[in-house]
C-alpha atoms as a PDB file:
ATOM      1  CA  UNK A   1      10.575 -12.743  -7.988  1.00  0.00           C
ATOM      2  CA  UNK A   2       8.326 -14.224  -5.333  1.00  0.00           C
ATOM      3  CA  UNK A   3       8.416 -11.965  -2.357  1.00  0.00           C
ATOM      4  CA  UNK A   4       6.346 -14.244  -0.150  1.00  0.00           C
ATOM      5  CA  UNK A   5       9.086 -16.883  -0.325  1.00  0.00           C
ATOM      6  CA  UNK A   6      11.901 -14.475   0.264  1.00  0.00           C
ATOM      7  CA  UNK A   7      13.533 -13.741   3.685  1.00  0.00           C
ATOM      8  CA  UNK A   8      13.363 -10.226   4.963  1.00  0.00           C
ATOM      9  CA  UNK A   9      17.158  -9.986   4.484  1.00  0.00           C
ATOM     10  CA  UNK A  10      16.922 -11.188   0.965  1.00  0.00           C
ATOM     11  CA  UNK A  11      14.290  -8.614   0.032  1.00  0.00           C
ATOM     12  CA  UNK A  12      16.267  -5.797   1.651  1.00  0.00           C
ATOM     13  CA  UNK A  13      19.434  -6.866  -0.187  1.00  0.00           C
ATOM     14  CA  UNK A  14      17.530  -6.814  -3.439  1.00  0.00           C
ATOM     15  CA  UNK A  15      16.004  -3.443  -2.631  1.00  0.00           C
ATOM     16  CA  UNK A  16      19.335  -1.905  -1.782  1.00  0.00           C
ATOM     17  CA  UNK A  17      21.078  -3.244  -4.907  1.00  0.00           C
ATOM     18  CA  UNK A  18      21.306  -1.684  -8.332  1.00  0.00           C
ATOM     19  CA  UNK A  19      18.694  -4.164  -9.680  1.00  0.00           C
ATOM     20  CA  UNK A  20      15.728  -2.351 -11.189  1.00  0.00           C
ATOM     21  CA  UNK A  21      13.240  -4.226  -8.998  1.00  0.00           C
ATOM     22  CA  UNK A  22      12.077  -4.151  -6.283  1.00  0.00           C
ATOM     23  CA  UNK A  23      11.839  -0.430  -5.930  1.00  0.00           C
ATOM     24  CA  UNK A  24       9.746   2.281  -4.222  1.00  0.00           C
ATOM     25  CA  UNK A  25       6.455   0.809  -5.330  1.00  0.00           C
ATOM     26  CA  UNK A  26       7.123  -2.657  -4.102  1.00  0.00           C
ATOM     27  CA  UNK A  27       8.533  -1.317  -0.837  1.00  0.00           C
ATOM     28  CA  UNK A  28       5.358   0.673  -0.401  1.00  0.00           C
ATOM     29  CA  UNK A  29       3.215  -2.474  -0.932  1.00  0.00           C
ATOM     30  CA  UNK A  30       5.280  -4.362   1.662  1.00  0.00           C
ATOM     31  CA  UNK A  31       5.044  -1.501   4.263  1.00  0.00           C
ATOM     32  CA  UNK A  32       1.256  -1.510   3.635  1.00  0.00           C
ATOM     33  CA  UNK A  33       1.141  -5.227   4.241  1.00  0.00           C
ATOM     34  CA  UNK A  34       2.954  -4.771   7.496  1.00  0.00           C
ATOM     35  CA  UNK A  35       0.417  -2.268   8.472  1.00  0.00           C
ATOM     36  CA  UNK A  36      -2.424  -4.667   7.650  1.00  0.00           C
ATOM     37  CA  UNK A  37      -0.667  -7.417   9.671  1.00  0.00           C
ATOM     38  CA  UNK A  38      -0.481  -5.185  12.739  1.00  0.00           C
ATOM     39  CA  UNK A  39      -4.291  -4.637  12.398  1.00  0.00           C
ATOM     40  CA  UNK A  40      -4.787  -8.331  12.549  1.00  0.00           C
ATOM     41  CA  UNK A  41      -2.438  -8.558  15.548  1.00  0.00           C
ATOM     42  CA  UNK A  42      -4.428  -6.101  17.481  1.00  0.00           C
ATOM     43  CA  UNK A  43      -7.567  -8.143  16.724  1.00  0.00           C
ATOM     44  CA  UNK A  44      -5.864 -11.370  17.914  1.00  0.00           C
ATOM     45  CA  UNK A  45      -5.159  -9.683  21.258  1.00  0.00           C
ATOM     46  CA  UNK A  46      -8.805  -8.561  21.510  1.00  0.00           C
ATOM     47  CA  UNK A  47     -10.938 -11.572  20.588  1.00  0.00           C
ATOM     48  CA  UNK A  48     -11.732 -13.965  23.405  1.00  0.00           C
ATOM     49  CA  UNK A  49     -11.503 -11.233  26.090  1.00  0.00           C
ATOM     50  CA  UNK A  50     -14.648 -10.659  28.198  1.00  0.00           C
ATOM     51  CA  UNK A  51     -14.050  -7.024  28.259  1.00  0.00           C
ATOM     52  CA  UNK A  52     -14.526  -6.839  24.416  1.00  0.00           C
ATOM     53  CA  UNK A  53     -17.286  -9.481  24.045  1.00  0.00           C
ATOM     54  CA  UNK A  54     -19.689  -6.893  22.736  1.00  0.00           C
ATOM     55  CA  UNK A  55     -17.510  -5.921  19.739  1.00  0.00           C
ATOM     56  CA  UNK A  56     -15.822  -9.314  19.154  1.00  0.00           C
ATOM     57  CA  UNK A  57     -17.904 -10.033  16.043  1.00  0.00           C
ATOM     58  CA  UNK A  58     -16.959  -6.671  14.605  1.00  0.00           C
ATOM     59  CA  UNK A  59     -13.228  -7.225  15.446  1.00  0.00           C
ATOM     60  CA  UNK A  60     -13.302 -10.559  13.700  1.00  0.00           C
ATOM     61  CA  UNK A  61     -14.690  -8.965  10.548  1.00  0.00           C
ATOM     62  CA  UNK A  62     -11.929  -6.351  10.737  1.00  0.00           C
ATOM     63  CA  UNK A  63      -9.344  -9.086  11.068  1.00  0.00           C
ATOM     64  CA  UNK A  64     -10.740 -11.066   8.023  1.00  0.00           C
ATOM     65  CA  UNK A  65     -10.566  -7.837   5.971  1.00  0.00           C
ATOM     66  CA  UNK A  66      -7.076  -7.030   7.194  1.00  0.00           C
ATOM     67  CA  UNK A  67      -5.830 -10.467   6.241  1.00  0.00           C
ATOM     68  CA  UNK A  68      -7.312 -10.193   2.737  1.00  0.00           C
ATOM     69  CA  UNK A  69      -5.679  -6.847   2.289  1.00  0.00           C
ATOM     70  CA  UNK A  70      -2.322  -8.108   3.640  1.00  0.00           C
ATOM     71  CA  UNK A  71      -2.310 -10.897   1.060  1.00  0.00           C
ATOM     72  CA  UNK A  72      -3.271  -8.543  -1.764  1.00  0.00           C
ATOM     73  CA  UNK A  73      -0.669  -5.969  -0.829  1.00  0.00           C
ATOM     74  CA  UNK A  74       2.021  -8.580  -0.622  1.00  0.00           C
ATOM     75  CA  UNK A  75       1.107  -9.868  -4.099  1.00  0.00           C
ATOM     76  CA  UNK A  76       1.394  -6.250  -5.334  1.00  0.00           C
ATOM     77  CA  UNK A  77       5.190  -6.193  -4.456  1.00  0.00           C
ATOM     78  CA  UNK A  78       5.687  -8.742  -7.276  1.00  0.00           C
ATOM     79  CA  UNK A  79       3.032  -7.202  -9.557  1.00  0.00           C
ATOM     80  CA  UNK A  80       4.697  -3.769  -9.305  1.00  0.00           C
ATOM     81  CA  UNK A  81       8.045  -5.452 -10.276  1.00  0.00           C
ATOM     82  CA  UNK A  82       6.450  -7.352 -13.161  1.00  0.00           C
ATOM     83  CA  UNK A  83       4.974  -4.148 -14.542  1.00  0.00           C
ATOM     84  CA  UNK A  84       8.200  -2.208 -14.364  1.00  0.00           C
ATOM     85  CA  UNK A  85      10.425  -4.610 -16.303  1.00  0.00           C
ATOM     86  CA  UNK A  86       8.525  -4.255 -19.633  1.00  0.00           C
ATOM     87  CA  UNK A  87       8.545  -0.493 -19.126  1.00  0.00           C
ATOM     88  CA  UNK A  88      12.241  -0.415 -18.746  1.00  0.00           C
ATOM     89  CA  UNK A  89      12.665  -2.421 -21.961  1.00  0.00           C
ATOM     90  CA  UNK A  90      10.171  -0.099 -23.747  1.00  0.00           C
ATOM     91  CA  UNK A  91      12.395   2.936 -23.042  1.00  0.00           C
ATOM     92  CA  UNK A  92      15.183   1.185 -24.859  1.00  0.00           C
ATOM     93  CA  UNK A  93      13.133   0.783 -28.178  1.00  0.00           C
ATOM     94  CA  UNK A  94      14.715   2.974 -30.817  1.00  0.00           C
ATOM     95  CA  UNK A  95      12.860   6.314 -31.163  1.00  0.00           C
ATOM     96  CA  UNK A  96      12.445   5.738 -34.886  1.00  0.00           C
ATOM     97  CA  UNK A  97      10.516   2.511 -34.309  1.00  0.00           C
ATOM     98  CA  UNK A  98       6.902   3.149 -35.271  1.00  0.00           C
ATOM     99  CA  UNK A  99       5.622   0.792 -32.469  1.00  0.00           C
ATOM    100  CA  UNK A 100       7.578   2.583 -29.705  1.00  0.00           C
ATOM    101  CA  UNK A 101       4.902   5.158 -28.655  1.00  0.00           C
ATOM    102  CA  UNK A 102       2.180   2.568 -28.410  1.00  0.00           C
ATOM    103  CA  UNK A 103       4.279   0.069 -26.476  1.00  0.00           C
ATOM    104  CA  UNK A 104       5.538   2.754 -24.133  1.00  0.00           C
ATOM    105  CA  UNK A 105       2.010   4.132 -23.463  1.00  0.00           C
ATOM    106  CA  UNK A 106       0.691   0.605 -22.664  1.00  0.00           C
ATOM    107  CA  UNK A 107       3.639  -0.114 -20.345  1.00  0.00           C
ATOM    108  CA  UNK A 108       3.290   3.232 -18.578  1.00  0.00           C
ATOM    109  CA  UNK A 109      -0.331   2.559 -17.924  1.00  0.00           C
ATOM    110  CA  UNK A 110       0.494  -0.892 -16.535  1.00  0.00           C
ATOM    111  CA  UNK A 111       3.289   0.477 -14.439  1.00  0.00           C
ATOM    112  CA  UNK A 112       0.948   3.166 -12.952  1.00  0.00           C
ATOM    113  CA  UNK A 113      -1.829   0.557 -12.286  1.00  0.00           C
ATOM    114  CA  UNK A 114       0.085  -1.371  -9.595  1.00  0.00           C
ATOM    115  CA  UNK A 115       0.910   1.620  -7.318  1.00  0.00           C
ATOM    116  CA  UNK A 116      -2.572   2.940  -7.775  1.00  0.00           C
ATOM    117  CA  UNK A 117      -3.879  -0.330  -6.408  1.00  0.00           C
ATOM    118  CA  UNK A 118      -1.381  -0.132  -3.598  1.00  0.00           C
ATOM    119  CA  UNK A 119      -2.663   3.298  -2.827  1.00  0.00           C
ATOM    120  CA  UNK A 120      -6.318   2.174  -2.787  1.00  0.00           C
ATOM    121  CA  UNK A 121      -5.635  -0.821  -0.552  1.00  0.00           C
ATOM    122  CA  UNK A 122      -3.554   1.278   1.814  1.00  0.00           C
ATOM    123  CA  UNK A 123      -6.490   3.506   2.275  1.00  0.00           C
ATOM    124  CA  UNK A 124      -8.748   0.547   3.104  1.00  0.00           C
ATOM    125  CA  UNK A 125      -6.307  -0.584   5.848  1.00  0.00           C
ATOM    126  CA  UNK A 126      -6.219   2.891   7.282  1.00  0.00           C
ATOM    127  CA  UNK A 127      -9.984   2.669   7.509  1.00  0.00           C
ATOM    128  CA  UNK A 128      -9.637  -0.588   9.390  1.00  0.00           C
ATOM    129  CA  UNK A 129      -7.189   0.906  11.862  1.00  0.00           C
ATOM    130  CA  UNK A 130      -9.628   3.785  12.516  1.00  0.00           C
ATOM    131  CA  UNK A 131     -12.261   1.229  13.523  1.00  0.00           C
ATOM    132  CA  UNK A 132      -9.798  -0.994  15.368  1.00  0.00           C
ATOM    133  CA  UNK A 133      -8.779   2.053  17.482  1.00  0.00           C
ATOM    134  CA  UNK A 134     -12.199   2.255  18.920  1.00  0.00           C
ATOM    135  CA  UNK A 135     -12.873  -1.546  19.285  1.00  0.00           C
ATOM    136  CA  UNK A 136      -9.534  -3.212  19.829  1.00  0.00           C
ATOM    137  CA  UNK A 137      -7.748  -3.883  23.011  1.00  0.00           C
ATOM    138  CA  UNK A 138      -6.470  -0.740  24.791  1.00  0.00           C
ATOM    139  CA  UNK A 139      -3.222  -2.650  25.545  1.00  0.00           C
ATOM    140  CA  UNK A 140      -2.519  -2.626  21.783  1.00  0.00           C
ATOM    141  CA  UNK A 141      -2.870   1.129  21.162  1.00  0.00           C
ATOM    142  CA  UNK A 142       0.814   1.536  20.103  1.00  0.00           C
ATOM    143  CA  UNK A 143       0.307  -1.223  17.497  1.00  0.00           C
ATOM    144  CA  UNK A 144      -2.696   0.614  16.047  1.00  0.00           C
ATOM    145  CA  UNK A 145      -0.599   3.786  15.833  1.00  0.00           C
ATOM    146  CA  UNK A 146       2.323   1.937  14.304  1.00  0.00           C
ATOM    147  CA  UNK A 147       0.151   0.103  11.777  1.00  0.00           C
ATOM    148  CA  UNK A 148      -1.737   3.187  10.632  1.00  0.00           C
ATOM    149  CA  UNK A 149       1.556   5.235  10.171  1.00  0.00           C
ATOM    150  CA  UNK A 150       2.988   2.327   8.175  1.00  0.00           C
ATOM    151  CA  UNK A 151      -0.087   2.484   5.918  1.00  0.00           C
ATOM    152  CA  UNK A 152       0.235   6.316   5.712  1.00  0.00           C
ATOM    153  CA  UNK A 153       3.817   5.762   4.443  1.00  0.00           C
ATOM    154  CA  UNK A 154       2.580   3.143   1.957  1.00  0.00           C
ATOM    155  CA  UNK A 155      -0.083   5.532   0.729  1.00  0.00           C
ATOM    156  CA  UNK A 156       2.373   8.366   0.082  1.00  0.00           C
ATOM    157  CA  UNK A 157       5.003   6.080  -1.380  1.00  0.00           C
ATOM    158  CA  UNK A 158       2.435   4.608  -3.779  1.00  0.00           C
ATOM    159  CA  UNK A 159       1.224   8.162  -4.641  1.00  0.00           C
ATOM    160  CA  UNK A 160       4.734   9.072  -5.793  1.00  0.00           C
ATOM    161  CA  UNK A 161       4.980   5.994  -7.948  1.00  0.00           C
ATOM    162  CA  UNK A 162       1.609   6.822  -9.567  1.00  0.00           C
ATOM    163  CA  UNK A 163       2.799  10.287 -10.346  1.00  0.00           C
ATOM    164  CA  UNK A 164       6.139   9.299 -11.905  1.00  0.00           C
ATOM    165  CA  UNK A 165       4.258   7.174 -14.429  1.00  0.00           C
ATOM    166  CA  UNK A 166       1.385   9.361 -15.188  1.00  0.00           C
ATOM    167  CA  UNK A 167       3.698  12.226 -15.913  1.00  0.00           C
ATOM    168  CA  UNK A 168       4.846  10.412 -19.133  1.00  0.00           C
ATOM    169  CA  UNK A 169       1.472   9.083 -20.246  1.00  0.00           C
ATOM    170  CA  UNK A 170       0.491  10.553 -23.521  1.00  0.00           C
ATOM    171  CA  UNK A 171      -3.320  10.291 -22.935  1.00  0.00           C
ATOM    172  CA  UNK A 172      -3.746  13.315 -20.798  1.00  0.00           C
ATOM    173  CA  UNK A 173      -7.282  12.636 -19.895  1.00  0.00           C
ATOM    174  CA  UNK A 174      -6.393   9.225 -18.613  1.00  0.00           C
ATOM    175  CA  UNK A 175      -3.464  10.621 -16.638  1.00  0.00           C
ATOM    176  CA  UNK A 176      -5.577  13.446 -15.135  1.00  0.00           C
ATOM    177  CA  UNK A 177      -8.283  11.029 -14.079  1.00  0.00           C
ATOM    178  CA  UNK A 178      -5.817   8.720 -12.385  1.00  0.00           C
ATOM    179  CA  UNK A 179      -4.014  11.644 -10.704  1.00  0.00           C
ATOM    180  CA  UNK A 180      -7.326  13.107  -9.473  1.00  0.00           C
ATOM    181  CA  UNK A 181      -8.346   9.829  -7.928  1.00  0.00           C
ATOM    182  CA  UNK A 182      -4.963   9.433  -6.259  1.00  0.00           C
ATOM    183  CA  UNK A 183      -4.974  13.021  -5.024  1.00  0.00           C
ATOM    184  CA  UNK A 184      -8.416  12.708  -3.540  1.00  0.00           C
ATOM    185  CA  UNK A 185      -7.648   9.465  -1.777  1.00  0.00           C
ATOM    186  CA  UNK A 186      -4.360  10.726  -0.296  1.00  0.00           C
ATOM    187  CA  UNK A 187      -6.056  13.924   0.925  1.00  0.00           C
ATOM    188  CA  UNK A 188      -8.925  11.947   2.600  1.00  0.00           C
ATOM    189  CA  UNK A 189      -7.048   8.984   4.031  1.00  0.00           C
ATOM    190  CA  UNK A 190      -3.829  10.822   4.846  1.00  0.00           C
ATOM    191  CA  UNK A 191      -5.945  12.900   7.199  1.00  0.00           C
ATOM    192  CA  UNK A 192      -7.636   9.882   8.586  1.00  0.00           C
ATOM    193  CA  UNK A 193      -4.257   8.279   9.296  1.00  0.00           C
ATOM    194  CA  UNK A 194      -3.074  11.467  10.976  1.00  0.00           C
ATOM    195  CA  UNK A 195      -6.178  11.664  13.148  1.00  0.00           C
ATOM    196  CA  UNK A 196      -5.781   7.959  14.226  1.00  0.00           C
ATOM    197  CA  UNK A 197      -2.103   8.499  14.977  1.00  0.00           C
ATOM    198  CA  UNK A 198      -2.757  11.663  16.978  1.00  0.00           C
ATOM    199  CA  UNK A 199      -5.560  10.051  18.923  1.00  0.00           C
ATOM    200  CA  UNK A 200      -3.171   7.252  19.961  1.00  0.00           C
ATOM    201  CA  UNK A 201      -0.557   9.796  20.999  1.00  0.00           C
ATOM    202  CA  UNK A 202      -3.086  11.726  23.112  1.00  0.00           C
ATOM    203  CA  UNK A 203      -4.034   8.654  25.004  1.00  0.00           C
ATOM    204  CA  UNK A 204      -0.367   8.291  26.117  1.00  0.00           C
ATOM    205  CA  UNK A 205      -0.285  11.889  27.354  1.00  0.00           C
END
């Protein structure tokens, strides 16, 4: 599948169907990409305004980073799907096949890698929103809040999809290391996202 060439309706139809992909991982990547796009949107309403001339260079850097992350997250929708299909086939290998365990282990690692990257990139976008909150146009506060909460959702969705794969990985040291990285990032950036969102809400009080 090529998500970038699909309509929104086409993607949602595929997501709602009984087809194995896209699923929660791909949906998380797309939501993260939406969050990144909103970060760029805030920047576009900030640059060129005299009021924000002192931070314009910084905002442009934030926009450049957000666009890079948006592209990478969108690509991960398809990467997540591509990793899941071999895994679903691996589960159907007869249990008495001597190659089954090795194939399954490799596919589980690949299937965990995509949501782990979605998780990492979502953290990066949350960090951009934190800075955009301070430097972006005050007229776009609601979009910062919306963008950061999208990325928080992507973060938690990706976390679930890491866990569902590491749970079955035989190499427990590998699984523990991946889980620890994921847990640490979620703890740190979930809090950052909450702080940004609450800061936006307070400004509307």
